[in-house]
Amino acid sequence: MKDRLRAMRLRLVAIVVVAVVAGLAASAQAATGAAARLSVRSTEYGKALFGPSGKVVYVFGADRGSTSRCYGVCATAWPPLLTSAAPLAGPGVEANLLGTTKRKNGTLQVTYNGHPLYYYQADKVGKIMCQHANMHGGLWLIIKPNGQPNTAKGRMHM
């Protein structure tokens, strides 16, 4: 019985350690997002912007100008692309279209052509899961290197 309890405790400790490390890695990514670097890659919808995580970034049709309207449950599903320094333009990204906007909690969200940028939490690196999705009160679209939202019809892969 003692051996079973000890084994269960060790498993629990291992799970907690993994969770803490994952949390620290996410924090480190946000912190190292000190200068979020965007890049351009080819996709099934044409060329699109990608964030430093290697995932495509989206714009939200409900946003007004550079002001985000995605908070709470919306921001859980569509995390904002944050930075703590001026974002950087990789090859194909127009540096003059990069900017930031302040969120309600004071963090800086990356903008492109005045549009706040977001990830979709279920996307995988290089895989676009929610192009042209109508969720949380607005249309979600990937963004072209010229700063225009890509209105190509997509499929939701949920």
N, C-alpha and C. Protein backbone atom coordinates (compact mmCIF):
# COMPACT_ATOMS: atom_id res chain seq x y z
N MET A 1 0.82 -1.19 0.00
CA MET A 1 0.00 0.00 0.00
C MET A 1 0.87 1.27 0.00
N LYS A 2 1.95 1.24 0.82
CA LYS A 2 2.85 2.41 0.87
C LYS A 2 3.48 2.66 -0.49
N ASP A 3 3.87 1.59 -1.17
CA ASP A 3 4.49 1.73 -2.49
C ASP A 3 3.51 2.34 -3.49
N ARG A 4 2.23 1.94 -3.41
CA ARG A 4 1.23 2.51 -4.31
C ARG A 4 1.03 3.99 -4.04
N LEU A 5 0.96 4.36 -2.76
CA LEU A 5 0.81 5.77 -2.40
C LEU A 5 2.01 6.58 -2.86
N ARG A 6 3.19 6.04 -2.65
CA ARG A 6 4.42 6.73 -3.07
C ARG A 6 4.42 6.91 -4.59
N ALA A 7 4.05 5.87 -5.33
CA ALA A 7 3.99 5.96 -6.79
C ALA A 7 2.97 6.99 -7.24
N MET A 8 1.82 7.04 -6.57
CA MET A 8 0.79 8.03 -6.92
C MET A 8 1.29 9.44 -6.64
N ARG A 9 1.98 9.63 -5.51
CA ARG A 9 2.53 10.95 -5.18
C ARG A 9 3.56 11.38 -6.22
N LEU A 10 4.41 10.44 -6.62
CA LEU A 10 5.42 10.77 -7.63
C LEU A 10 4.78 11.17 -8.95
N ARG A 11 3.72 10.45 -9.34
CA ARG A 11 3.01 10.82 -10.57
C ARG A 11 2.40 12.21 -10.45
N LEU A 12 1.78 12.48 -9.29
CA LEU A 12 1.17 13.79 -9.08
C LEU A 12 2.23 14.89 -9.14
N VAL A 13 3.36 14.66 -8.49
CA VAL A 13 4.45 15.64 -8.53
C VAL A 13 4.92 15.84 -9.97
N ALA A 14 5.04 14.75 -10.72
CA ALA A 14 5.48 14.86 -12.12
C ALA A 14 4.48 15.67 -12.93
N ILE A 15 3.19 15.45 -12.71
CA ILE A 15 2.17 16.21 -13.43
C ILE A 15 2.26 17.69 -13.08
N VAL A 16 2.42 17.99 -11.80
CA VAL A 16 2.53 19.39 -11.37
C VAL A 16 3.77 20.03 -11.98
N VAL A 17 4.89 19.31 -11.97
CA VAL A 17 6.13 19.86 -12.55
C VAL A 17 5.94 20.14 -14.04
N VAL A 18 5.32 19.22 -14.75
CA VAL A 18 5.08 19.43 -16.19
C VAL A 18 4.19 20.65 -16.39
N ALA A 19 3.15 20.80 -15.58
CA ALA A 19 2.25 21.95 -15.71
C ALA A 19 2.99 23.25 -15.43
N VAL A 20 3.82 23.26 -14.41
CA VAL A 20 4.58 24.47 -14.08
C VAL A 20 5.55 24.82 -15.20
N VAL A 21 6.26 23.81 -15.70
CA VAL A 21 7.21 24.05 -16.79
C VAL A 21 6.48 24.57 -18.02
N ALA A 22 5.32 23.99 -18.34
CA ALA A 22 4.55 24.47 -19.49
C ALA A 22 4.13 25.92 -19.28
N GLY A 23 3.70 26.25 -18.06
CA GLY A 23 3.32 27.63 -17.76
C GLY A 23 4.50 28.58 -17.89
N LEU A 24 5.66 28.15 -17.39
CA LEU A 24 6.86 28.98 -17.50
C LEU A 24 7.27 29.15 -18.96
N ALA A 25 7.13 28.09 -19.74
CA ALA A 25 7.47 28.19 -21.16
C ALA A 25 6.55 29.18 -21.86
N ALA A 26 5.26 29.13 -21.52
CA ALA A 26 4.32 30.08 -22.12
C ALA A 26 4.66 31.50 -21.69
N SER A 27 5.02 31.69 -20.42
CA SER A 27 5.41 33.01 -19.95
C SER A 27 6.68 33.47 -20.64
N ALA A 28 7.62 32.55 -20.79
CA ALA A 28 8.87 32.90 -21.46
C ALA A 28 8.61 33.30 -22.89
N GLN A 29 7.68 32.59 -23.54
CA GLN A 29 7.37 32.94 -24.93
C GLN A 29 6.79 34.34 -24.98
N ALA A 30 5.89 34.65 -24.02
CA ALA A 30 5.31 35.99 -23.99
C ALA A 30 6.41 37.01 -23.70
N ALA A 31 7.31 36.67 -22.77
CA ALA A 31 8.39 37.59 -22.42
C ALA A 31 9.36 37.76 -23.58
N THR A 32 9.70 36.63 -24.23
CA THR A 32 10.62 36.75 -25.35
C THR A 32 9.93 37.34 -26.55
N GLY A 33 8.58 37.42 -26.48
CA GLY A 33 7.85 38.14 -27.49
C GLY A 33 8.15 39.61 -27.37
N ALA A 34 9.22 39.93 -26.58
CA ALA A 34 9.64 41.29 -26.38
C ALA A 34 9.66 42.04 -27.70
N ALA A 35 10.05 41.34 -28.72
CA ALA A 35 10.03 41.92 -30.05
C ALA A 35 9.44 40.86 -30.96
N ALA A 36 8.11 40.78 -30.96
CA ALA A 36 7.43 39.78 -31.79
C ALA A 36 7.83 39.99 -33.25
N ARG A 37 8.28 38.91 -33.88
CA ARG A 37 8.72 38.97 -35.27
C ARG A 37 7.70 38.27 -36.14
N LEU A 38 7.15 39.01 -37.10
CA LEU A 38 6.19 38.44 -38.03
C LEU A 38 6.91 38.00 -39.29
N SER A 39 6.34 37.00 -39.94
CA SER A 39 6.90 36.51 -41.19
C SER A 39 5.76 36.25 -42.17
N VAL A 40 6.12 36.03 -43.42
CA VAL A 40 5.16 35.72 -44.47
C VAL A 40 5.44 34.31 -44.95
N ARG A 41 4.37 33.53 -45.08
CA ARG A 41 4.49 32.18 -45.61
C ARG A 41 3.37 31.93 -46.60
N SER A 42 3.57 30.98 -47.47
CA SER A 42 2.53 30.56 -48.40
C SER A 42 1.58 29.62 -47.68
N THR A 43 0.28 29.76 -47.98
CA THR A 43 -0.75 28.90 -47.40
C THR A 43 -1.68 28.45 -48.52
N GLU A 44 -2.64 27.63 -48.17
CA GLU A 44 -3.65 27.20 -49.15
C GLU A 44 -4.51 28.37 -49.61
N TYR A 45 -4.45 29.52 -48.91
CA TYR A 45 -5.22 30.72 -49.25
C TYR A 45 -4.35 31.81 -49.88
N GLY A 46 -3.11 31.51 -50.17
CA GLY A 46 -2.17 32.49 -50.66
C GLY A 46 -1.21 32.87 -49.55
N LYS A 47 -0.44 33.92 -49.76
CA LYS A 47 0.53 34.35 -48.75
C LYS A 47 -0.20 34.98 -47.57
N ALA A 48 0.32 34.71 -46.36
CA ALA A 48 -0.31 35.23 -45.13
C ALA A 48 0.76 35.51 -44.09
N LEU A 49 0.38 36.31 -43.10
CA LEU A 49 1.27 36.64 -41.99
C LEU A 49 1.25 35.54 -40.94
N PHE A 50 2.42 35.30 -40.37
CA PHE A 50 2.57 34.33 -39.29
C PHE A 50 3.28 35.01 -38.12
N GLY A 51 2.89 34.64 -36.92
CA GLY A 51 3.52 35.17 -35.72
C GLY A 51 4.78 34.40 -35.37
N PRO A 52 5.44 34.83 -34.29
CA PRO A 52 6.70 34.18 -33.90
C PRO A 52 6.53 32.72 -33.49
N SER A 53 5.31 32.29 -33.16
CA SER A 53 5.08 30.90 -32.78
C SER A 53 5.05 29.97 -33.98
N GLY A 54 5.03 30.53 -35.19
CA GLY A 54 4.91 29.72 -36.40
C GLY A 54 3.47 29.48 -36.80
N LYS A 55 2.54 30.09 -36.06
CA LYS A 55 1.12 29.97 -36.40
C LYS A 55 0.67 31.21 -37.15
N VAL A 56 -0.33 31.01 -38.03
CA VAL A 56 -0.90 32.12 -38.78
C VAL A 56 -1.58 33.08 -37.81
N VAL A 57 -1.66 34.36 -38.18
CA VAL A 57 -2.38 35.33 -37.37
C VAL A 57 -3.64 35.77 -38.10
N TYR A 58 -4.63 36.15 -37.30
CA TYR A 58 -5.95 36.53 -37.81
C TYR A 58 -6.28 37.96 -37.39
N VAL A 59 -7.24 38.55 -38.11
CA VAL A 59 -7.86 39.81 -37.71
C VAL A 59 -9.33 39.50 -37.42
N PHE A 60 -9.94 40.34 -36.57
CA PHE A 60 -11.31 40.15 -36.10
C PHE A 60 -12.18 41.27 -36.64
N GLY A 61 -13.22 40.90 -37.37
CA GLY A 61 -14.10 41.89 -38.00
C GLY A 61 -14.83 42.79 -37.02
N ALA A 62 -14.98 42.37 -35.77
CA ALA A 62 -15.69 43.19 -34.78
C ALA A 62 -14.81 44.28 -34.17
N ASP A 63 -13.50 44.19 -34.37
CA ASP A 63 -12.61 45.24 -33.84
C ASP A 63 -12.92 46.55 -34.54
N ARG A 64 -12.75 47.64 -33.83
CA ARG A 64 -12.96 48.97 -34.40
C ARG A 64 -11.62 49.69 -34.45
N GLY A 65 -11.14 49.88 -35.67
CA GLY A 65 -9.81 50.48 -35.82
C GLY A 65 -8.80 49.57 -35.16
N SER A 66 -7.92 50.15 -34.38
CA SER A 66 -6.91 49.34 -33.70
C SER A 66 -7.35 48.92 -32.30
N THR A 67 -8.63 49.14 -31.96
CA THR A 67 -9.14 48.77 -30.64
C THR A 67 -9.70 47.35 -30.67
N SER A 68 -9.14 46.50 -29.80
CA SER A 68 -9.60 45.11 -29.72
C SER A 68 -10.95 45.03 -29.02
N ARG A 69 -11.80 44.17 -29.53
CA ARG A 69 -13.08 43.86 -28.89
C ARG A 69 -13.12 42.39 -28.49
N CYS A 70 -11.97 41.76 -28.41
CA CYS A 70 -11.90 40.34 -28.07
C CYS A 70 -11.27 40.17 -26.68
N TYR A 71 -12.14 39.91 -25.71
CA TYR A 71 -11.72 39.71 -24.33
C TYR A 71 -12.47 38.51 -23.76
N GLY A 72 -12.07 38.05 -22.59
CA GLY A 72 -12.76 36.95 -21.92
C GLY A 72 -12.69 35.66 -22.71
N VAL A 73 -13.87 35.04 -22.91
CA VAL A 73 -13.95 33.77 -23.64
C VAL A 73 -13.39 33.93 -25.04
N CYS A 74 -13.66 35.04 -25.67
CA CYS A 74 -13.14 35.30 -27.02
C CYS A 74 -11.61 35.23 -27.01
N ALA A 75 -10.97 35.91 -26.06
CA ALA A 75 -9.51 35.95 -26.01
C ALA A 75 -8.91 34.62 -25.59
N THR A 76 -9.71 33.76 -24.96
CA THR A 76 -9.23 32.41 -24.65
C THR A 76 -9.15 31.61 -25.95
N ALA A 77 -10.16 31.71 -26.78
CA ALA A 77 -10.17 31.00 -28.06
C ALA A 77 -9.25 31.66 -29.08
N TRP A 78 -9.15 32.98 -29.02
CA TRP A 78 -8.38 33.76 -29.98
C TRP A 78 -7.37 34.63 -29.22
N PRO A 79 -6.28 34.04 -28.71
CA PRO A 79 -5.31 34.82 -27.94
C PRO A 79 -4.68 35.94 -28.77
N PRO A 80 -4.59 37.12 -28.19
CA PRO A 80 -3.94 38.22 -28.92
C PRO A 80 -2.44 37.96 -29.07
N LEU A 81 -1.88 38.45 -30.16
CA LEU A 81 -0.43 38.40 -30.36
C LEU A 81 0.14 39.58 -29.58
N LEU A 82 0.83 39.27 -28.48
CA LEU A 82 1.36 40.31 -27.60
C LEU A 82 2.85 40.52 -27.84
N THR A 83 3.29 41.70 -27.46
CA THR A 83 4.70 42.06 -27.54
C THR A 83 4.99 43.03 -26.41
N SER A 84 6.25 43.16 -26.03
CA SER A 84 6.60 44.18 -25.04
C SER A 84 7.61 45.16 -25.62
N ALA A 85 7.79 45.08 -26.94
CA ALA A 85 8.65 46.01 -27.66
C ALA A 85 8.08 46.16 -29.07
N ALA A 86 8.63 47.07 -29.81
CA ALA A 86 8.15 47.27 -31.19
C ALA A 86 8.30 45.97 -31.96
N PRO A 87 7.24 45.53 -32.64
CA PRO A 87 7.33 44.29 -33.42
C PRO A 87 8.29 44.43 -34.58
N LEU A 88 8.83 43.29 -35.00
CA LEU A 88 9.83 43.26 -36.07
C LEU A 88 9.25 42.64 -37.34
N ALA A 89 9.70 43.14 -38.47
CA ALA A 89 9.25 42.65 -39.77
C ALA A 89 10.26 41.65 -40.32
N GLY A 90 9.81 40.43 -40.54
CA GLY A 90 10.62 39.44 -41.22
C GLY A 90 10.49 39.65 -42.72
N PRO A 91 11.13 38.79 -43.52
CA PRO A 91 11.05 38.91 -44.98
C PRO A 91 9.59 38.89 -45.47
N GLY A 92 9.26 39.84 -46.33
CA GLY A 92 7.92 39.91 -46.90
C GLY A 92 6.92 40.71 -46.09
N VAL A 93 7.28 41.05 -44.86
CA VAL A 93 6.40 41.83 -43.99
C VAL A 93 6.72 43.31 -44.18
N GLU A 94 5.70 44.12 -44.37
CA GLU A 94 5.91 45.56 -44.56
C GLU A 94 6.03 46.24 -43.19
N ALA A 95 7.26 46.62 -42.84
CA ALA A 95 7.54 47.18 -41.52
C ALA A 95 6.67 48.41 -41.21
N ASN A 96 6.37 49.21 -42.23
CA ASN A 96 5.58 50.42 -41.99
C ASN A 96 4.12 50.09 -41.62
N LEU A 97 3.68 48.85 -41.80
CA LEU A 97 2.32 48.45 -41.42
C LEU A 97 2.25 47.88 -40.01
N LEU A 98 3.42 47.61 -39.40
CA LEU A 98 3.45 47.07 -38.05
C LEU A 98 3.21 48.15 -37.01
N GLY A 99 2.53 47.78 -35.94
CA GLY A 99 2.31 48.71 -34.84
C GLY A 99 1.82 47.95 -33.62
N THR A 100 1.36 48.70 -32.64
CA THR A 100 0.80 48.09 -31.42
C THR A 100 -0.41 48.87 -30.98
N THR A 101 -1.22 48.22 -30.17
CA THR A 101 -2.35 48.86 -29.51
C THR A 101 -2.37 48.36 -28.07
N LYS A 102 -2.80 49.21 -27.17
CA LYS A 102 -2.84 48.84 -25.76
C LYS A 102 -4.16 48.15 -25.45
N ARG A 103 -4.08 46.98 -24.80
CA ARG A 103 -5.27 46.26 -24.35
C ARG A 103 -5.72 46.80 -22.99
N LYS A 104 -6.92 46.41 -22.57
CA LYS A 104 -7.48 46.91 -21.31
C LYS A 104 -6.57 46.67 -20.11
N ASN A 105 -5.81 45.56 -20.15
CA ASN A 105 -4.93 45.24 -19.02
C ASN A 105 -3.55 45.90 -19.16
N GLY A 106 -3.37 46.73 -20.17
CA GLY A 106 -2.11 47.45 -20.35
C GLY A 106 -1.09 46.75 -21.23
N THR A 107 -1.33 45.49 -21.60
CA THR A 107 -0.37 44.79 -22.47
C THR A 107 -0.47 45.35 -23.89
N LEU A 108 0.60 45.16 -24.65
CA LEU A 108 0.64 45.63 -26.02
C LEU A 108 0.32 44.50 -26.98
N GLN A 109 -0.64 44.74 -27.85
CA GLN A 109 -1.02 43.78 -28.88
C GLN A 109 -0.48 44.27 -30.21
N VAL A 110 0.08 43.35 -30.97
CA VAL A 110 0.64 43.69 -32.29
C VAL A 110 -0.51 44.00 -33.24
N THR A 111 -0.32 45.04 -34.06
CA THR A 111 -1.27 45.38 -35.12
C THR A 111 -0.54 45.33 -36.46
N TYR A 112 -1.34 45.13 -37.51
CA TYR A 112 -0.81 45.18 -38.87
C TYR A 112 -1.82 45.95 -39.69
N ASN A 113 -1.37 47.02 -40.30
CA ASN A 113 -2.26 47.92 -41.05
C ASN A 113 -3.42 48.38 -40.17
N GLY A 114 -3.13 48.58 -38.89
CA GLY A 114 -4.13 49.06 -37.94
C GLY A 114 -5.05 47.99 -37.37
N HIS A 115 -4.89 46.73 -37.78
CA HIS A 115 -5.73 45.64 -37.29
C HIS A 115 -5.02 44.90 -36.15
N PRO A 116 -5.65 44.77 -34.97
CA PRO A 116 -5.06 43.91 -33.92
C PRO A 116 -4.96 42.47 -34.44
N LEU A 117 -3.89 41.78 -34.05
CA LEU A 117 -3.64 40.42 -34.53
C LEU A 117 -3.87 39.39 -33.41
N TYR A 118 -4.35 38.22 -33.83
CA TYR A 118 -4.68 37.13 -32.90
C TYR A 118 -4.22 35.80 -33.48
N TYR A 119 -4.04 34.84 -32.59
CA TYR A 119 -3.88 33.45 -32.97
C TYR A 119 -5.23 32.76 -32.75
N TYR A 120 -5.42 31.60 -33.34
CA TYR A 120 -6.55 30.74 -32.98
C TYR A 120 -5.96 29.60 -32.16
N GLN A 121 -6.48 29.39 -30.96
CA GLN A 121 -5.86 28.46 -30.02
C GLN A 121 -5.76 27.03 -30.54
N ALA A 122 -6.64 26.60 -31.43
CA ALA A 122 -6.60 25.23 -31.94
C ALA A 122 -5.71 25.06 -33.17
N ASP A 123 -5.19 26.16 -33.72
CA ASP A 123 -4.29 26.04 -34.87
C ASP A 123 -3.02 25.30 -34.47
N LYS A 124 -2.47 24.62 -35.42
CA LYS A 124 -1.16 23.99 -35.27
C LYS A 124 -0.19 24.79 -36.14
N VAL A 125 1.10 24.65 -35.88
CA VAL A 125 2.10 25.36 -36.67
C VAL A 125 1.89 25.02 -38.14
N GLY A 126 1.70 26.06 -38.95
CA GLY A 126 1.53 25.88 -40.38
C GLY A 126 0.15 25.41 -40.82
N LYS A 127 -0.78 25.18 -39.89
CA LYS A 127 -2.12 24.67 -40.22
C LYS A 127 -3.17 25.71 -39.85
N ILE A 128 -3.96 26.13 -40.82
CA ILE A 128 -5.00 27.14 -40.62
C ILE A 128 -6.33 26.43 -40.38
N MET A 129 -6.88 26.60 -39.19
CA MET A 129 -8.07 25.86 -38.79
C MET A 129 -9.36 26.67 -38.88
N CYS A 130 -9.30 27.99 -38.90
CA CYS A 130 -10.55 28.77 -38.81
C CYS A 130 -10.61 29.98 -39.73
N GLN A 131 -10.14 29.85 -40.94
CA GLN A 131 -10.24 30.96 -41.89
C GLN A 131 -11.71 31.22 -42.21
N HIS A 132 -12.09 32.49 -42.20
CA HIS A 132 -13.43 32.96 -42.56
C HIS A 132 -14.49 32.41 -41.61
N ALA A 133 -14.15 32.27 -40.33
CA ALA A 133 -15.08 31.77 -39.32
C ALA A 133 -15.82 32.95 -38.70
N ASN A 134 -17.11 32.78 -38.48
CA ASN A 134 -17.92 33.80 -37.81
C ASN A 134 -18.13 33.35 -36.38
N MET A 135 -17.34 33.92 -35.46
CA MET A 135 -17.39 33.53 -34.06
C MET A 135 -17.21 34.76 -33.18
N HIS A 136 -17.83 34.73 -31.99
CA HIS A 136 -17.67 35.79 -30.99
C HIS A 136 -18.06 37.16 -31.52
N GLY A 137 -19.03 37.18 -32.42
CA GLY A 137 -19.56 38.45 -32.88
C GLY A 137 -18.86 39.06 -34.08
N GLY A 138 -18.04 38.30 -34.76
CA GLY A 138 -17.37 38.86 -35.92
C GLY A 138 -16.70 37.79 -36.77
N LEU A 139 -16.25 38.20 -37.92
CA LEU A 139 -15.59 37.32 -38.87
C LEU A 139 -14.08 37.31 -38.60
N TRP A 140 -13.50 36.12 -38.60
CA TRP A 140 -12.05 35.95 -38.40
C TRP A 140 -11.41 35.61 -39.73
N LEU A 141 -10.41 36.41 -40.10
CA LEU A 141 -9.74 36.25 -41.39
C LEU A 141 -8.24 36.31 -41.20
N ILE A 142 -7.52 35.50 -41.98
CA ILE A 142 -6.06 35.65 -42.01
C ILE A 142 -5.76 36.96 -42.74
N ILE A 143 -4.54 37.44 -42.63
CA ILE A 143 -4.21 38.74 -43.22
C ILE A 143 -3.08 38.58 -44.24
N LYS A 144 -3.24 39.27 -45.35
CA LYS A 144 -2.26 39.25 -46.43
C LYS A 144 -1.08 40.15 -46.09
N PRO A 145 0.06 39.94 -46.73
CA PRO A 145 1.22 40.79 -46.49
C PRO A 145 0.98 42.26 -46.82
N ASN A 146 0.01 42.57 -47.70
CA ASN A 146 -0.28 43.97 -48.02
C ASN A 146 -1.15 44.65 -46.97
N GLY A 147 -1.53 43.90 -45.92
CA GLY A 147 -2.32 44.48 -44.83
C GLY A 147 -3.82 44.29 -44.97
N GLN A 148 -4.26 43.69 -46.05
CA GLN A 148 -5.69 43.47 -46.26
C GLN A 148 -6.11 42.10 -45.74
N PRO A 149 -7.28 42.03 -45.09
CA PRO A 149 -7.78 40.72 -44.67
C PRO A 149 -8.04 39.85 -45.90
N ASN A 150 -7.76 38.58 -45.78
CA ASN A 150 -7.97 37.62 -46.86
C ASN A 150 -9.39 37.08 -46.71
N THR A 151 -10.28 37.40 -47.63
CA THR A 151 -11.69 37.02 -47.53
C THR A 151 -12.00 35.66 -48.18
N ALA A 152 -10.97 34.93 -48.57
CA ALA A 152 -11.20 33.61 -49.16
C ALA A 152 -11.99 32.74 -48.19
N LYS A 153 -12.97 32.04 -48.74
CA LYS A 153 -13.77 31.14 -47.90
C LYS A 153 -12.86 30.02 -47.40
N GLY A 154 -13.04 29.68 -46.15
CA GLY A 154 -12.25 28.61 -45.55
C GLY A 154 -13.16 27.57 -44.94
N ARG A 155 -12.54 26.58 -44.36
CA ARG A 155 -13.28 25.56 -43.65
C ARG A 155 -12.86 25.57 -42.21
N MET A 156 -13.83 25.40 -41.33
CA MET A 156 -13.50 25.27 -39.91
C MET A 156 -13.19 23.81 -39.65
N HIS A 157 -12.05 23.55 -39.09
CA HIS A 157 -11.59 22.18 -38.79
C HIS A 157 -11.68 21.97 -37.29
N MET A 158 -12.86 21.83 -36.79
CA MET A 158 -12.98 21.70 -35.32
C MET A 158 -13.22 20.30 -34.90
